[in-house]
Amino acid sequence: MTVAPSSISTDRTSSPTPVLVTQRADRVWIAKLLTWAGFSVEGDSREDALSKLDQQVKAQLADGEIAYLDLPLVQTKNPWLAIAGKYQDDPNWDEYQTAIAQARQAANESEGIWIEGDATK
């Protein structure tokens, strides 16, 4: 179930934050903050659960702040680059590609598979 946010702030001191709101079989509403672990509350209504979650987050932030760190990205080599272009000058490349296409077509025909765009069917 998708529920549109009840309000979206244009205030630069706040940010829309995804919250999962569900209702248990016993009609208790649960609101969980998806971006921060450990923030989950129960309420008698959807609005009550969201209000309690808002209070829980504000209480946590009253003694602290949200800070951001610029962490370096891990630089790894792309393993595919080592073989990129390996066959660019191979004189048998076109013949190899034709053989693959023929083998696929034969396998498809033997299995009764129709490929969209196949003019032979």
PDB file of N, CA and C in Angstrom:
ATOM      1  N   MET A   1       0.843  -1.170   0.000  1.00  0.00           N
ATOM      2  CA  MET A   1       0.000   0.000   0.000  1.00  0.00           C
ATOM      3  C   MET A   1       0.886   1.231   0.000  1.00  0.00           C
ATOM      4  N   THR A   2       0.623   2.152  -0.882  1.00  0.00           N
ATOM      5  CA  THR A   2       1.381   3.382  -0.951  1.00  0.00           C
ATOM      6  C   THR A   2       0.513   4.512  -0.435  1.00  0.00           C
ATOM      7  N   VAL A   3       1.061   5.273   0.480  1.00  0.00           N
ATOM      8  CA  VAL A   3       0.340   6.411   1.024  1.00  0.00           C
ATOM      9  C   VAL A   3       1.164   7.648   0.745  1.00  0.00           C
ATOM     10  N   ALA A   4       0.541   8.637   0.146  1.00  0.00           N
ATOM     11  CA  ALA A   4       1.244   9.881  -0.156  1.00  0.00           C
ATOM     12  C   ALA A   4       1.567  10.608   1.141  1.00  0.00           C
ATOM     13  N   PRO A   5       2.681  11.300   1.192  1.00  0.00           N
ATOM     14  CA  PRO A   5       3.012  12.052   2.399  1.00  0.00           C
ATOM     15  C   PRO A   5       1.936  13.089   2.681  1.00  0.00           C
ATOM     16  N   SER A   6       1.616  13.259   3.956  1.00  0.00           N
ATOM     17  CA  SER A   6       0.561  14.204   4.307  1.00  0.00           C
ATOM     18  C   SER A   6       1.013  15.649   4.067  1.00  0.00           C
ATOM     19  N   SER A   7       2.304  15.879   4.166  1.00  0.00           N
ATOM     20  CA  SER A   7       2.825  17.208   3.848  1.00  0.00           C
ATOM     21  C   SER A   7       4.289  17.076   3.477  1.00  0.00           C
ATOM     22  N   ILE A   8       4.702  17.913   2.570  1.00  0.00           N
ATOM     23  CA  ILE A   8       6.112  17.928   2.173  1.00  0.00           C
ATOM     24  C   ILE A   8       6.646  19.308   2.508  1.00  0.00           C
ATOM     25  N   SER A   9       7.690  19.311   3.297  1.00  0.00           N
ATOM     26  CA  SER A   9       8.248  20.567   3.773  1.00  0.00           C
ATOM     27  C   SER A   9       9.127  21.209   2.714  1.00  0.00           C
ATOM     28  N   THR A  10       9.018  22.527   2.582  1.00  0.00           N
ATOM     29  CA  THR A  10       9.944  23.274   1.735  1.00  0.00           C
ATOM     30  C   THR A  10      10.986  23.957   2.614  1.00  0.00           C
ATOM     31  N   ASP A  11      10.892  23.729   3.901  1.00  0.00           N
ATOM     32  CA  ASP A  11      11.830  24.271   4.889  1.00  0.00           C
ATOM     33  C   ASP A  11      13.167  23.566   4.740  1.00  0.00           C
ATOM     34  N   ARG A  12      14.263  24.294   4.645  1.00  0.00           N
ATOM     35  CA  ARG A  12      15.585  23.700   4.470  1.00  0.00           C
ATOM     36  C   ARG A  12      16.154  23.137   5.769  1.00  0.00           C
ATOM     37  N   THR A  13      15.415  23.255   6.870  1.00  0.00           N
ATOM     38  CA  THR A  13      15.881  22.682   8.132  1.00  0.00           C
ATOM     39  C   THR A  13      15.296  21.295   8.357  1.00  0.00           C
ATOM     40  N   SER A  14      14.537  20.813   7.394  1.00  0.00           N
ATOM     41  CA  SER A  14      13.969  19.469   7.502  1.00  0.00           C
ATOM     42  C   SER A  14      14.049  18.781   6.154  1.00  0.00           C
ATOM     43  N   SER A  15      13.801  17.488   6.179  1.00  0.00           N
ATOM     44  CA  SER A  15      13.893  16.698   4.959  1.00  0.00           C
ATOM     45  C   SER A  15      12.846  15.594   4.997  1.00  0.00           C
ATOM     46  N   PRO A  16      12.108  15.383   3.908  1.00  0.00           N
ATOM     47  CA  PRO A  16      11.171  14.258   3.888  1.00  0.00           C
ATOM     48  C   PRO A  16      11.934  12.959   4.125  1.00  0.00           C
ATOM     49  N   THR A  17      11.427  12.148   5.014  1.00  0.00           N
ATOM     50  CA  THR A  17      12.106  10.912   5.388  1.00  0.00           C
ATOM     51  C   THR A  17      11.142   9.746   5.231  1.00  0.00           C
ATOM     52  N   PRO A  18      11.551   8.662   4.580  1.00  0.00           N
ATOM     53  CA  PRO A  18      10.640   7.533   4.387  1.00  0.00           C
ATOM     54  C   PRO A  18      10.328   6.818   5.701  1.00  0.00           C
ATOM     55  N   VAL A  19       9.036   6.593   5.903  1.00  0.00           N
ATOM     56  CA  VAL A  19       8.544   5.897   7.094  1.00  0.00           C
ATOM     57  C   VAL A  19       7.635   4.768   6.622  1.00  0.00           C
ATOM     58  N   LEU A  20       7.853   3.573   7.156  1.00  0.00           N
ATOM     59  CA  LEU A  20       6.972   2.445   6.871  1.00  0.00           C
ATOM     60  C   LEU A  20       5.878   2.447   7.917  1.00  0.00           C
ATOM     61  N   VAL A  21       4.618   2.567   7.472  1.00  0.00           N
ATOM     62  CA  VAL A  21       3.474   2.567   8.379  1.00  0.00           C
ATOM     63  C   VAL A  21       2.644   1.330   8.068  1.00  0.00           C
ATOM     64  N   THR A  22       2.445   0.487   9.084  1.00  0.00           N
ATOM     65  CA  THR A  22       1.663  -0.735   8.914  1.00  0.00           C
ATOM     66  C   THR A  22       0.655  -0.859  10.053  1.00  0.00           C
ATOM     67  N   GLN A  23      -0.322  -1.718   9.842  1.00  0.00           N
ATOM     68  CA  GLN A  23      -1.306  -1.982  10.891  1.00  0.00           C
ATOM     69  C   GLN A  23      -1.349  -3.472  11.152  1.00  0.00           C
ATOM     70  N   ARG A  24      -1.171  -3.847  12.425  1.00  0.00           N
ATOM     71  CA  ARG A  24      -1.230  -5.254  12.807  1.00  0.00           C
ATOM     72  C   ARG A  24      -2.677  -5.709  12.869  1.00  0.00           C
ATOM     73  N   ALA A  25      -2.845  -7.024  12.983  1.00  0.00           N
ATOM     74  CA  ALA A  25      -4.186  -7.616  13.056  1.00  0.00           C
ATOM     75  C   ALA A  25      -4.956  -7.096  14.263  1.00  0.00           C
ATOM     76  N   ASP A  26      -4.251  -6.737  15.352  1.00  0.00           N
ATOM     77  CA  ASP A  26      -4.936  -6.226  16.545  1.00  0.00           C
ATOM     78  C   ASP A  26      -5.219  -4.728  16.448  1.00  0.00           C
ATOM     79  N   ARG A  27      -5.117  -4.183  15.223  1.00  0.00           N
ATOM     80  CA  ARG A  27      -5.447  -2.800  14.890  1.00  0.00           C
ATOM     81  C   ARG A  27      -4.487  -1.777  15.509  1.00  0.00           C
ATOM     82  N   VAL A  28      -3.304  -2.215  15.897  1.00  0.00           N
ATOM     83  CA  VAL A  28      -2.268  -1.307  16.382  1.00  0.00           C
ATOM     84  C   VAL A  28      -1.442  -0.863  15.180  1.00  0.00           C
ATOM     85  N   TRP A  29      -1.184   0.414  15.091  1.00  0.00           N
ATOM     86  CA  TRP A  29      -0.403   0.973  13.997  1.00  0.00           C
ATOM     87  C   TRP A  29       1.061   1.027  14.389  1.00  0.00           C
ATOM     88  N   ILE A  30       1.943   0.718  13.445  1.00  0.00           N
ATOM     89  CA  ILE A  30       3.383   0.733  13.674  1.00  0.00           C
ATOM     90  C   ILE A  30       4.011   1.669  12.644  1.00  0.00           C
ATOM     91  N   ALA A  31       4.879   2.547  13.129  1.00  0.00           N
ATOM     92  CA  ALA A  31       5.618   3.459  12.244  1.00  0.00           C
ATOM     93  C   ALA A  31       7.104   3.212  12.467  1.00  0.00           C
ATOM     94  N   LYS A  32       7.822   2.902  11.381  1.00  0.00           N
ATOM     95  CA  LYS A  32       9.260   2.636  11.453  1.00  0.00           C
ATOM     96  C   LYS A  32       9.989   3.591  10.531  1.00  0.00           C
ATOM     97  N   LEU A  33      10.993   4.229  11.065  1.00  0.00           N
ATOM     98  CA  LEU A  33      11.841   5.097  10.266  1.00  0.00           C
ATOM     99  C   LEU A  33      12.780   4.210   9.459  1.00  0.00           C
ATOM    100  N   LEU A  34      12.718   4.281   8.144  1.00  0.00           N
ATOM    101  CA  LEU A  34      13.493   3.374   7.297  1.00  0.00           C
ATOM    102  C   LEU A  34      14.965   3.759   7.169  1.00  0.00           C
ATOM    103  N   THR A  35      15.281   5.002   7.410  1.00  0.00           N
ATOM    104  CA  THR A  35      16.647   5.447   7.198  1.00  0.00           C
ATOM    105  C   THR A  35      17.540   5.329   8.428  1.00  0.00           C
ATOM    106  N   TRP A  36      16.954   5.192   9.615  1.00  0.00           N
ATOM    107  CA  TRP A  36      17.724   5.060  10.850  1.00  0.00           C
ATOM    108  C   TRP A  36      17.261   3.825  11.587  1.00  0.00           C
ATOM    109  N   ALA A  37      18.177   2.963  11.959  1.00  0.00           N
ATOM    110  CA  ALA A  37      17.822   1.757  12.709  1.00  0.00           C
ATOM    111  C   ALA A  37      17.376   2.131  14.123  1.00  0.00           C
ATOM    112  N   GLY A  38      16.446   1.362  14.655  1.00  0.00           N
ATOM    113  CA  GLY A  38      16.045   1.530  16.049  1.00  0.00           C
ATOM    114  C   GLY A  38      14.906   2.503  16.285  1.00  0.00           C
ATOM    115  N   PHE A  39      14.381   3.120  15.248  1.00  0.00           N
ATOM    116  CA  PHE A  39      13.267   4.040  15.427  1.00  0.00           C
ATOM    117  C   PHE A  39      11.981   3.367  14.972  1.00  0.00           C
ATOM    118  N   SER A  40      11.197   2.897  15.945  1.00  0.00           N
ATOM    119  CA  SER A  40       9.932   2.224  15.661  1.00  0.00           C
ATOM    120  C   SER A  40       8.991   2.466  16.834  1.00  0.00           C
ATOM    121  N   VAL A  41       7.769   2.835  16.551  1.00  0.00           N
ATOM    122  CA  VAL A  41       6.782   3.106  17.598  1.00  0.00           C
ATOM    123  C   VAL A  41       5.445   2.469  17.231  1.00  0.00           C
ATOM    124  N   GLU A  42       4.579   2.353  18.230  1.00  0.00           N
ATOM    125  CA  GLU A  42       3.220   1.855  18.024  1.00  0.00           C
ATOM    126  C   GLU A  42       2.241   2.949  18.432  1.00  0.00           C
ATOM    127  N   GLY A  43       1.095   2.982  17.769  1.00  0.00           N
ATOM    128  CA  GLY A  43       0.063   3.972  18.098  1.00  0.00           C
ATOM    129  C   GLY A  43      -1.320   3.418  17.849  1.00  0.00           C
ATOM    130  N   ASP A  44      -2.308   4.126  18.373  1.00  0.00           N
ATOM    131  CA  ASP A  44      -3.709   3.699  18.220  1.00  0.00           C
ATOM    132  C   ASP A  44      -4.274   4.039  16.850  1.00  0.00           C
ATOM    133  N   SER A  45      -3.594   4.943  16.144  1.00  0.00           N
ATOM    134  CA  SER A  45      -4.014   5.322  14.786  1.00  0.00           C
ATOM    135  C   SER A  45      -2.756   5.619  13.980  1.00  0.00           C
ATOM    136  N   ARG A  46      -2.938   5.769  12.683  1.00  0.00           N
ATOM    137  CA  ARG A  46      -1.807   6.105  11.809  1.00  0.00           C
ATOM    138  C   ARG A  46      -1.179   7.420  12.255  1.00  0.00           C
ATOM    139  N   GLU A  47      -2.028   8.411  12.492  1.00  0.00           N
ATOM    140  CA  GLU A  47      -1.541   9.723  12.895  1.00  0.00           C
ATOM    141  C   GLU A  47      -0.834   9.661  14.248  1.00  0.00           C
ATOM    142  N   ASP A  48      -1.375   8.861  15.178  1.00  0.00           N
ATOM    143  CA  ASP A  48      -0.763   8.706  16.501  1.00  0.00           C
ATOM    144  C   ASP A  48       0.626   8.087  16.375  1.00  0.00           C
ATOM    145  N   ALA A  49       0.746   7.053  15.552  1.00  0.00           N
ATOM    146  CA  ALA A  49       2.045   6.388  15.370  1.00  0.00           C
ATOM    147  C   ALA A  49       3.058   7.353  14.747  1.00  0.00           C
ATOM    148  N   LEU A  50       2.632   8.113  13.733  1.00  0.00           N
ATOM    149  CA  LEU A  50       3.534   9.074  13.097  1.00  0.00           C
ATOM    150  C   LEU A  50       3.933  10.184  14.072  1.00  0.00           C
ATOM    151  N   SER A  51       3.000  10.631  14.884  1.00  0.00           N
ATOM    152  CA  SER A  51       3.295  11.666  15.872  1.00  0.00           C
ATOM    153  C   SER A  51       4.302  11.162  16.903  1.00  0.00           C
ATOM    154  N   LYS A  52       4.111   9.932  17.358  1.00  0.00           N
ATOM    155  CA  LYS A  52       5.044   9.351  18.329  1.00  0.00           C
ATOM    156  C   LYS A  52       6.435   9.177  17.723  1.00  0.00           C
ATOM    157  N   LEU A  53       6.484   8.782  16.457  1.00  0.00           N
ATOM    158  CA  LEU A  53       7.779   8.628  15.790  1.00  0.00           C
ATOM    159  C   LEU A  53       8.463   9.984  15.668  1.00  0.00           C
ATOM    160  N   ASP A  54       7.700  10.999  15.304  1.00  0.00           N
ATOM    161  CA  ASP A  54       8.234  12.351  15.210  1.00  0.00           C
ATOM    162  C   ASP A  54       8.813  12.786  16.554  1.00  0.00           C
ATOM    163  N   GLN A  55       8.099  12.510  17.634  1.00  0.00           N
ATOM    164  CA  GLN A  55       8.576  12.864  18.981  1.00  0.00           C
ATOM    165  C   GLN A  55       9.846  12.092  19.334  1.00  0.00           C
ATOM    166  N   GLN A  56       9.882  10.808  18.973  1.00  0.00           N
ATOM    167  CA  GLN A  56      11.058   9.984  19.269  1.00  0.00           C
ATOM    168  C   GLN A  56      12.298  10.532  18.556  1.00  0.00           C
ATOM    169  N   VAL A  57      12.153  10.882  17.295  1.00  0.00           N
ATOM    170  CA  VAL A  57      13.282  11.415  16.527  1.00  0.00           C
ATOM    171  C   VAL A  57      13.719  12.766  17.102  1.00  0.00           C
ATOM    172  N   LYS A  58      12.755  13.639  17.393  1.00  0.00           N
ATOM    173  CA  LYS A  58      13.096  14.960  17.942  1.00  0.00           C
ATOM    174  C   LYS A  58      13.788  14.830  19.291  1.00  0.00           C
ATOM    175  N   ALA A  59      13.367  13.876  20.123  1.00  0.00           N
ATOM    176  CA  ALA A  59      14.012  13.663  21.422  1.00  0.00           C
ATOM    177  C   ALA A  59      15.462  13.229  21.224  1.00  0.00           C
ATOM    178  N   GLN A  60      15.691  12.370  20.247  1.00  0.00           N
ATOM    179  CA  GLN A  60      17.056  11.912  19.962  1.00  0.00           C
ATOM    180  C   GLN A  60      17.929  13.061  19.465  1.00  0.00           C
ATOM    181  N   LEU A  61      17.349  13.919  18.639  1.00  0.00           N
ATOM    182  CA  LEU A  61      18.112  15.029  18.065  1.00  0.00           C
ATOM    183  C   LEU A  61      18.297  16.190  19.036  1.00  0.00           C
ATOM    184  N   ALA A  62      17.527  16.218  20.121  1.00  0.00           N
ATOM    185  CA  ALA A  62      17.637  17.310  21.088  1.00  0.00           C
ATOM    186  C   ALA A  62      19.025  17.361  21.715  1.00  0.00           C
ATOM    187  N   ASP A  63      19.667  16.221  21.850  1.00  0.00           N
ATOM    188  CA  ASP A  63      20.990  16.159  22.464  1.00  0.00           C
ATOM    189  C   ASP A  63      22.107  15.980  21.440  1.00  0.00           C
ATOM    190  N   GLY A  64      21.793  16.138  20.183  1.00  0.00           N
ATOM    191  CA  GLY A  64      22.815  15.922  19.164  1.00  0.00           C
ATOM    192  C   GLY A  64      22.436  16.589  17.863  1.00  0.00           C
ATOM    193  N   GLU A  65      23.116  16.197  16.830  1.00  0.00           N
ATOM    194  CA  GLU A  65      22.867  16.753  15.507  1.00  0.00           C
ATOM    195  C   GLU A  65      23.177  15.699  14.449  1.00  0.00           C
ATOM    196  N   ILE A  66      22.699  15.934  13.280  1.00  0.00           N
ATOM    197  CA  ILE A  66      23.035  15.069  12.155  1.00  0.00           C
ATOM    198  C   ILE A  66      24.218  15.718  11.448  1.00  0.00           C
ATOM    199  N   ALA A  67      25.289  14.982  11.315  1.00  0.00           N
ATOM    200  CA  ALA A  67      26.480  15.478  10.629  1.00  0.00           C
ATOM    201  C   ALA A  67      26.766  14.583   9.437  1.00  0.00           C
ATOM    202  N   TYR A  68      27.457  15.106   8.478  1.00  0.00           N
ATOM    203  CA  TYR A  68      27.796  14.359   7.268  1.00  0.00           C
ATOM    204  C   TYR A  68      29.308  14.291   7.116  1.00  0.00           C
ATOM    205  N   LEU A  69      29.785  13.154   6.701  1.00  0.00           N
ATOM    206  CA  LEU A  69      31.201  12.974   6.427  1.00  0.00           C
ATOM    207  C   LEU A  69      31.389  12.705   4.944  1.00  0.00           C
ATOM    208  N   ASP A  70      32.408  13.275   4.372  1.00  0.00           N
ATOM    209  CA  ASP A  70      32.783  12.953   3.000  1.00  0.00           C
ATOM    210  C   ASP A  70      33.842  11.867   3.079  1.00  0.00           C
ATOM    211  N   LEU A  71      33.435  10.645   2.829  1.00  0.00           N
ATOM    212  CA  LEU A  71      34.352   9.520   2.891  1.00  0.00           C
ATOM    213  C   LEU A  71      34.859   9.198   1.494  1.00  0.00           C
ATOM    214  N   PRO A  72      36.116   8.826   1.382  1.00  0.00           N
ATOM    215  CA  PRO A  72      36.648   8.499   0.054  1.00  0.00           C
ATOM    216  C   PRO A  72      36.007   7.216  -0.478  1.00  0.00           C
ATOM    217  N   LEU A  73      35.769   7.203  -1.744  1.00  0.00           N
ATOM    218  CA  LEU A  73      35.250   6.004  -2.381  1.00  0.00           C
ATOM    219  C   LEU A  73      36.393   5.022  -2.590  1.00  0.00           C
ATOM    220  N   VAL A  74      36.102   3.776  -2.425  1.00  0.00           N
ATOM    221  CA  VAL A  74      37.117   2.749  -2.640  1.00  0.00           C
ATOM    222  C   VAL A  74      37.338   2.617  -4.136  1.00  0.00           C
ATOM    223  N   GLN A  75      38.565   2.783  -4.549  1.00  0.00           N
ATOM    224  CA  GLN A  75      38.893   2.672  -5.968  1.00  0.00           C
ATOM    225  C   GLN A  75      39.280   1.227  -6.278  1.00  0.00           C
ATOM    226  N   THR A  76      38.492   0.581  -7.089  1.00  0.00           N
ATOM    227  CA  THR A  76      38.810  -0.787  -7.495  1.00  0.00           C
ATOM    228  C   THR A  76      38.917  -0.834  -9.006  1.00  0.00           C
ATOM    229  N   LYS A  77      39.704  -1.760  -9.472  1.00  0.00           N
ATOM    230  CA  LYS A  77      39.842  -1.934 -10.913  1.00  0.00           C
ATOM    231  C   LYS A  77      38.660  -2.750 -11.422  1.00  0.00           C
ATOM    232  N   ASN A  78      38.165  -2.364 -12.562  1.00  0.00           N
ATOM    233  CA  ASN A  78      37.092  -3.106 -13.199  1.00  0.00           C
ATOM    234  C   ASN A  78      37.702  -4.353 -13.834  1.00  0.00           C
ATOM    235  N   PRO A  79      37.305  -5.556 -13.385  1.00  0.00           N
ATOM    236  CA  PRO A  79      37.926  -6.770 -13.908  1.00  0.00           C
ATOM    237  C   PRO A  79      37.665  -6.999 -15.397  1.00  0.00           C
ATOM    238  N   TRP A  80      36.600  -6.412 -15.921  1.00  0.00           N
ATOM    239  CA  TRP A  80      36.294  -6.598 -17.343  1.00  0.00           C
ATOM    240  C   TRP A  80      37.231  -5.811 -18.242  1.00  0.00           C
ATOM    241  N   LEU A  81      37.839  -4.760 -17.707  1.00  0.00           N
ATOM    242  CA  LEU A  81      38.732  -3.946 -18.533  1.00  0.00           C
ATOM    243  C   LEU A  81      39.967  -4.722 -18.983  1.00  0.00           C
ATOM    244  N   ALA A  82      40.352  -5.731 -18.223  1.00  0.00           N
ATOM    245  CA  ALA A  82      41.542  -6.518 -18.576  1.00  0.00           C
ATOM    246  C   ALA A  82      41.352  -7.267 -19.898  1.00  0.00           C
ATOM    247  N   ILE A  83      40.109  -7.611 -20.232  1.00  0.00           N
ATOM    248  CA  ILE A  83      39.882  -8.358 -21.476  1.00  0.00           C
ATOM    249  C   ILE A  83      39.138  -7.535 -22.528  1.00  0.00           C
ATOM    250  N   ALA A  84      38.839  -6.276 -22.214  1.00  0.00           N
ATOM    251  CA  ALA A  84      38.140  -5.432 -23.184  1.00  0.00           C
ATOM    252  C   ALA A  84      38.963  -5.299 -24.456  1.00  0.00           C
ATOM    253  N   GLY A  85      38.345  -5.516 -25.581  1.00  0.00           N
ATOM    254  CA  GLY A  85      39.019  -5.379 -26.870  1.00  0.00           C
ATOM    255  C   GLY A  85      39.910  -6.543 -27.232  1.00  0.00           C
ATOM    256  N   LYS A  86      39.859  -7.593 -26.434  1.00  0.00           N
ATOM    257  CA  LYS A  86      40.742  -8.744 -26.661  1.00  0.00           C
ATOM    258  C   LYS A  86      40.566  -9.335 -28.063  1.00  0.00           C
ATOM    259  N   TYR A  87      39.350  -9.313 -28.569  1.00  0.00           N
ATOM    260  CA  TYR A  87      39.083  -9.958 -29.864  1.00  0.00           C
ATOM    261  C   TYR A  87      38.872  -8.956 -30.996  1.00  0.00           C
ATOM    262  N   GLN A  88      39.231  -7.701 -30.800  1.00  0.00           N
ATOM    263  CA  GLN A  88      38.945  -6.689 -31.820  1.00  0.00           C
ATOM    264  C   GLN A  88      39.652  -6.955 -33.153  1.00  0.00           C
ATOM    265  N   ASP A  89      40.797  -7.605 -33.117  1.00  0.00           N
ATOM    266  CA  ASP A  89      41.517  -7.884 -34.357  1.00  0.00           C
ATOM    267  C   ASP A  89      41.487  -9.366 -34.739  1.00  0.00           C
ATOM    268  N   ASP A  90      40.637 -10.131 -34.083  1.00  0.00           N
ATOM    269  CA  ASP A  90      40.555 -11.574 -34.354  1.00  0.00           C
ATOM    270  C   ASP A  90      39.878 -11.782 -35.706  1.00  0.00           C
ATOM    271  N   PRO A  91      40.556 -12.415 -36.659  1.00  0.00           N
ATOM    272  CA  PRO A  91      39.971 -12.604 -38.000  1.00  0.00           C
ATOM    273  C   PRO A  91      38.787 -13.582 -37.981  1.00  0.00           C
ATOM    274  N   ASN A  92      38.639 -14.357 -36.923  1.00  0.00           N
ATOM    275  CA  ASN A  92      37.548 -15.331 -36.843  1.00  0.00           C
ATOM    276  C   ASN A  92      36.330 -14.813 -36.074  1.00  0.00           C
ATOM    277  N   TRP A  93      36.352 -13.558 -35.642  1.00  0.00           N
ATOM    278  CA  TRP A  93      35.291 -13.024 -34.783  1.00  0.00           C
ATOM    279  C   TRP A  93      33.915 -13.083 -35.446  1.00  0.00           C
ATOM    280  N   ASP A  94      33.813 -12.622 -36.685  1.00  0.00           N
ATOM    281  CA  ASP A  94      32.512 -12.618 -37.362  1.00  0.00           C
ATOM    282  C   ASP A  94      31.996 -14.041 -37.561  1.00  0.00           C
ATOM    283  N   GLU A  95      32.870 -14.942 -37.919  1.00  0.00           N
ATOM    284  CA  GLU A  95      32.494 -16.346 -38.093  1.00  0.00           C
ATOM    285  C   GLU A  95      32.007 -16.931 -36.757  1.00  0.00           C
ATOM    286  N   TYR A  96      32.679 -16.572 -35.690  1.00  0.00           N
ATOM    287  CA  TYR A  96      32.317 -17.038 -34.347  1.00  0.00           C
ATOM    288  C   TYR A  96      30.925 -16.521 -33.957  1.00  0.00           C
ATOM    289  N   GLN A  97      30.657 -15.246 -34.215  1.00  0.00           N
ATOM    290  CA  GLN A  97      29.348 -14.666 -33.891  1.00  0.00           C
ATOM    291  C   GLN A  97      28.237 -15.312 -34.719  1.00  0.00           C
ATOM    292  N   THR A  98      28.520 -15.609 -35.989  1.00  0.00           N
ATOM    293  CA  THR A  98      27.538 -16.280 -36.846  1.00  0.00           C
ATOM    294  C   THR A  98      27.247 -17.675 -36.321  1.00  0.00           C
ATOM    295  N   ALA A  99      28.265 -18.396 -35.891  1.00  0.00           N
ATOM    296  CA  ALA A  99      28.083 -19.743 -35.340  1.00  0.00           C
ATOM    297  C   ALA A  99      27.249 -19.709 -34.068  1.00  0.00           C
ATOM    298  N   ILE A 100      27.463 -18.723 -33.237  1.00  0.00           N
ATOM    299  CA  ILE A 100      26.665 -18.587 -32.011  1.00  0.00           C
ATOM    300  C   ILE A 100      25.206 -18.334 -32.363  1.00  0.00           C
ATOM    301  N   ALA A 101      24.959 -17.417 -33.297  1.00  0.00           N
ATOM    302  CA  ALA A 101      23.587 -17.103 -33.703  1.00  0.00           C
ATOM    303  C   ALA A 101      22.888 -18.334 -34.280  1.00  0.00           C
ATOM    304  N   GLN A 102      23.604 -19.112 -35.099  1.00  0.00           N
ATOM    305  CA  GLN A 102      23.016 -20.321 -35.689  1.00  0.00           C
ATOM    306  C   GLN A 102      22.719 -21.362 -34.614  1.00  0.00           C
ATOM    307  N   ALA A 103      23.608 -21.510 -33.648  1.00  0.00           N
ATOM    308  CA  ALA A 103      23.392 -22.473 -32.569  1.00  0.00           C
ATOM    309  C   ALA A 103      22.189 -22.069 -31.722  1.00  0.00           C
ATOM    310  N   ARG A 104      22.047 -20.778 -31.450  1.00  0.00           N
ATOM    311  CA  ARG A 104      20.891 -20.303 -30.687  1.00  0.00           C
ATOM    312  C   ARG A 104      19.594 -20.531 -31.454  1.00  0.00           C
ATOM    313  N   GLN A 105      19.611 -20.244 -32.750  1.00  0.00           N
ATOM    314  CA  GLN A 105      18.414 -20.422 -33.562  1.00  0.00           C
ATOM    315  C   GLN A 105      18.025 -21.894 -33.607  1.00  0.00           C
ATOM    316  N   ALA A 106      18.997 -22.780 -33.774  1.00  0.00           N
ATOM    317  CA  ALA A 106      18.720 -24.215 -33.808  1.00  0.00           C
ATOM    318  C   ALA A 106      18.146 -24.683 -32.464  1.00  0.00           C
ATOM    319  N   ALA A 107      18.715 -24.202 -31.365  1.00  0.00           N
ATOM    320  CA  ALA A 107      18.215 -24.580 -30.034  1.00  0.00           C
ATOM    321  C   ALA A 107      16.797 -24.071 -29.835  1.00  0.00           C
ATOM    322  N   ASN A 108      16.535 -22.844 -30.257  1.00  0.00           N
ATOM    323  CA  ASN A 108      15.193 -22.280 -30.129  1.00  0.00           C
ATOM    324  C   ASN A 108      14.179 -23.058 -30.955  1.00  0.00           C
ATOM    325  N   GLU A 109      14.555 -23.423 -32.168  1.00  0.00           N
ATOM    326  CA  GLU A 109      13.648 -24.172 -33.043  1.00  0.00           C
ATOM    327  C   GLU A 109      13.365 -25.551 -32.470  1.00  0.00           C
ATOM    328  N   SER A 110      14.385 -26.197 -31.922  1.00  0.00           N
ATOM    329  CA  SER A 110      14.173 -27.535 -31.371  1.00  0.00           C
ATOM    330  C   SER A 110      13.310 -27.496 -30.106  1.00  0.00           C
ATOM    331  N   GLU A 111      13.289 -26.362 -29.425  1.00  0.00           N
ATOM    332  CA  GLU A 111      12.476 -26.214 -28.218  1.00  0.00           C
ATOM    333  C   GLU A 111      11.157 -25.524 -28.519  1.00  0.00           C
ATOM    334  N   GLY A 112      10.942 -25.119 -29.759  1.00  0.00           N
ATOM    335  CA  GLY A 112       9.702 -24.450 -30.131  1.00  0.00           C
ATOM    336  C   GLY A 112       9.619 -23.028 -29.605  1.00  0.00           C
ATOM    337  N   ILE A 113      10.733 -22.384 -29.415  1.00  0.00           N
ATOM    338  CA  ILE A 113      10.753 -21.013 -28.905  1.00  0.00           C
ATOM    339  C   ILE A 113      10.722 -20.039 -30.072  1.00  0.00           C
ATOM    340  N   TRP A 114       9.796 -19.086 -30.016  1.00  0.00           N
ATOM    341  CA  TRP A 114       9.714 -18.061 -31.046  1.00  0.00           C
ATOM    342  C   TRP A 114      10.347 -16.802 -30.499  1.00  0.00           C
ATOM    343  N   ILE A 115      11.277 -16.236 -31.229  1.00  0.00           N
ATOM    344  CA  ILE A 115      11.971 -15.021 -30.839  1.00  0.00           C
ATOM    345  C   ILE A 115      11.306 -13.848 -31.560  1.00  0.00           C
ATOM    346  N   GLU A 116      10.895 -12.818 -30.798  1.00  0.00           N
ATOM    347  CA  GLU A 116      10.256 -11.661 -31.394  1.00  0.00           C
ATOM    348  C   GLU A 116      11.196 -11.030 -32.413  1.00  0.00           C
ATOM    349  N   GLY A 117      10.646 -10.725 -33.574  1.00  0.00           N
ATOM    350  CA  GLY A 117      11.450 -10.133 -34.634  1.00  0.00           C
ATOM    351  C   GLY A 117      12.039 -11.173 -35.564  1.00  0.00           C
ATOM    352  N   ASP A 118      11.837 -12.468 -35.263  1.00  0.00           N
ATOM    353  CA  ASP A 118      12.352 -13.532 -36.106  1.00  0.00           C
ATOM    354  C   ASP A 118      11.419 -13.665 -37.316  1.00  0.00           C
ATOM    355  N   ALA A 119      11.868 -13.266 -38.473  1.00  0.00           N
ATOM    356  CA  ALA A 119      11.035 -13.243 -39.682  1.00  0.00           C
ATOM    357  C   ALA A 119      10.751 -14.639 -40.231  1.00  0.00           C
ATOM    358  N   THR A 120      11.467 -15.649 -39.749  1.00  0.00           N
ATOM    359  CA  THR A 120      11.272 -16.996 -40.294  1.00  0.00           C
ATOM    360  C   THR A 120      10.076 -17.695 -39.683  1.00  0.00           C
ATOM    361  N   LYS A 121       9.445 -17.124 -38.667  1.00  0.00           N
ATOM    362  CA  LYS A 121       8.302 -17.787 -37.987  1.00  0.00           C
ATOM    363  C   LYS A 121       7.002 -17.235 -38.463  1.00  0.00           C
TER     364      LYS A 121
END
